C-alpha atoms as a PDB file:
ATOM      1  CA  MET A   1      -1.775  14.897   2.862  1.00  0.00           C
ATOM      2  CA  ARG A   2      -1.344  11.146   2.361  1.00  0.00           C
ATOM      3  CA  PHE A   3      -2.198   8.786  -0.496  1.00  0.00           C
ATOM      4  CA  VAL A   4      -3.644   5.524   0.830  1.00  0.00           C
ATOM      5  CA  ASP A   5      -4.867   2.493  -1.112  1.00  0.00           C
ATOM      6  CA  TYR A   6      -8.103   0.866   0.038  1.00  0.00           C
ATOM      7  CA  LYS A   7      -9.496  -2.474  -1.153  1.00  0.00           C
ATOM      8  CA  CYS A   8     -13.256  -2.956  -1.395  1.00  0.00           C
ATOM      9  CA  GLU A   9     -14.642  -6.038   0.339  1.00  0.00           C
ATOM     10  CA  ASP A  10     -17.662  -6.074  -2.002  1.00  0.00           C
ATOM     11  CA  CYS A  11     -16.202  -5.724  -5.521  1.00  0.00           C
ATOM     12  CA  GLY A  12     -12.475  -6.261  -4.837  1.00  0.00           C
ATOM     13  CA  GLY A  13     -11.548  -2.945  -6.460  1.00  0.00           C
ATOM     14  CA  ILE A  14      -8.606  -0.932  -5.173  1.00  0.00           C
ATOM     15  CA  SER A  15      -8.957   2.840  -4.860  1.00  0.00           C
ATOM     16  CA  GLU A  16      -6.254   5.372  -4.057  1.00  0.00           C
ATOM     17  CA  ILE A  17      -7.664   7.915  -1.594  1.00  0.00           C
ATOM     18  CA  VAL A  18      -6.069  11.239  -0.629  1.00  0.00           C
ATOM     19  CA  LEU A  19      -6.373  11.788   3.126  1.00  0.00           C
ATOM     20  CA  LEU A  20      -6.056  15.249   4.595  1.00  0.00           C
ATOM     21  CA  GLY A  21      -4.935  15.054   8.224  1.00  0.00           C
ATOM     22  CA  ASP A  22      -6.219  12.136  10.274  1.00  0.00           C
ATOM     23  CA  ASN A  23      -9.791  12.231   8.964  1.00  0.00           C
ATOM     24  CA  ASN A  24     -10.510   8.876   7.331  1.00  0.00           C
ATOM     25  CA  THR A  25     -14.284   8.849   7.823  1.00  0.00           C
ATOM     26  CA  GLY A  26     -16.618   8.549   4.857  1.00  0.00           C
ATOM     27  CA  ILE A  27     -14.197   6.570   2.700  1.00  0.00           C
ATOM     28  CA  LYS A  28     -15.915   4.532   0.015  1.00  0.00           C
ATOM     29  CA  CYS A  29     -14.962   2.432  -2.979  1.00  0.00           C
ATOM     30  CA  GLY A  30     -14.293   4.470  -6.106  1.00  0.00           C
ATOM     31  CA  LYS A  31     -15.753   1.710  -8.299  1.00  0.00           C
ATOM     32  CA  CYS A  32     -18.954   0.545  -6.593  1.00  0.00           C
ATOM     33  CA  GLY A  33     -19.476   3.108  -3.807  1.00  0.00           C
ATOM     34  CA  SER A  34     -19.439   0.559  -0.975  1.00  0.00           C
ATOM     35  CA  ARG A  35     -18.181   1.725   2.409  1.00  0.00           C
ATOM     36  CA  LYS A  36     -16.758  -1.759   3.164  1.00  0.00           C
ATOM     37  CA  VAL A  37     -13.127  -0.892   2.451  1.00  0.00           C
ATOM     38  CA  LYS A  38      -9.880  -1.861   4.171  1.00  0.00           C
ATOM     39  CA  LYS A  39      -6.529  -0.137   4.016  1.00  0.00           C
ATOM     40  CA  VAL A  40      -4.012  -1.968   1.811  1.00  0.00           C
ATOM     41  CA  PHE A  41      -0.314  -1.980   2.649  1.00  0.00           C
ATOM     42  CA  ALA A  42       1.819  -2.392  -0.458  1.00  0.00           C
ATOM     43  CA  PRO A  43       5.597  -2.567  -0.834  1.00  0.00           C
ATOM     44  CA  VAL A  44       7.215   0.847  -1.198  1.00  0.00           C
ATOM     45  CA  SER A  45      10.269   1.317  -3.419  1.00  0.00           C
ATOM     46  CA  PHE A  46      12.585   4.274  -3.209  1.00  0.00           C
ATOM     47  CA  LYS A  47      16.063   5.271  -4.396  1.00  0.00           C
ATOM     48  CA  GLY A  48      18.838   5.491  -1.854  1.00  0.00           C
ATOM     49  CA  SER A  49      20.383   8.868  -1.087  1.00  0.00           C
ATOM     50  CA  SER A  50      23.872   7.677  -2.066  1.00  0.00           C
ATOM     51  CA  GLY A  51      23.184   8.504  -5.716  1.00  0.00           C
ATOM     52  CA  SER A  52      24.275   5.041  -6.808  1.00  0.00           C
ATOM     53  CA  GLY A  53      20.838   4.225  -8.200  1.00  0.00           C
ATOM     54  CA  SER A  54      20.300   1.396  -5.772  1.00  0.00           C
ATOM     55  CA  SER A  55      16.761   0.777  -4.664  1.00  0.00           C
ATOM     56  CA  SER A  56      15.295  -0.656  -1.528  1.00  0.00           C
ATOM     57  CA  SER A  57      11.863  -1.992  -0.766  1.00  0.00           C
ATOM     58  CA  ILE A  58       9.792  -2.475   2.329  1.00  0.00           C
ATOM     59  CA  SER A  59       7.763  -5.650   2.089  1.00  0.00           C
ATOM     60  CA  SER A  60       4.328  -6.378   3.453  1.00  0.00           C
ATOM     61  CA  CYS A  61       5.021 -10.125   3.525  1.00  0.00           C
ATOM     62  CA  SER A  62       4.677 -11.527   7.044  1.00  0.00           C
ATOM     63  CA  SER A  63       7.393 -14.149   6.492  1.00  0.00           C
ATOM     64  CA  CYS A  64      10.129 -11.684   5.420  1.00  0.00           C
ATOM     65  CA  SER A  65      12.768 -10.714   7.940  1.00  0.00           C
ATOM     66  CA  GLY A  66      14.923  -8.281   6.006  1.00  0.00           C
ATOM     67  CA  GLY A  67      16.574 -10.798   3.672  1.00  0.00           C
ATOM     68  CA  SER A  68      15.438 -12.272   0.390  1.00  0.00           C
ATOM     69  CA  CYS A  69      12.006 -13.845   0.403  1.00  0.00           C
ATOM     70  CA  SER A  70      10.731 -16.562  -1.895  1.00  0.00           C
ATOM     71  CA  THR A  71       7.139 -15.934  -0.751  1.00  0.00           C
ATOM     72  CA  CYS A  72       6.768 -12.354  -1.980  1.00  0.00           C
ATOM     73  CA  GLY A  73       9.807 -12.140  -4.259  1.00  0.00           C
ATOM     74  CA  SER A  74      11.578  -9.310  -2.445  1.00  0.00           C
ATOM     75  CA  SER A  75      15.345  -9.345  -2.418  1.00  0.00           C
END
């Protein structure tokens, strides 16, 4: 089971869809019902396993290369 965000090309709404297995057919916008949706990749934040409370993020910005980025604001 995966949670995936999809953005509607018609209304611009973003819907979080629960996918079971690899079946992603029949996905439609939760706001307007359109089937013109595209998967959205958003940054993911998580706590490190060291217990120090540090957090990391994976950025979707195409100009980032692991360091700080002034385009998307990741550090």
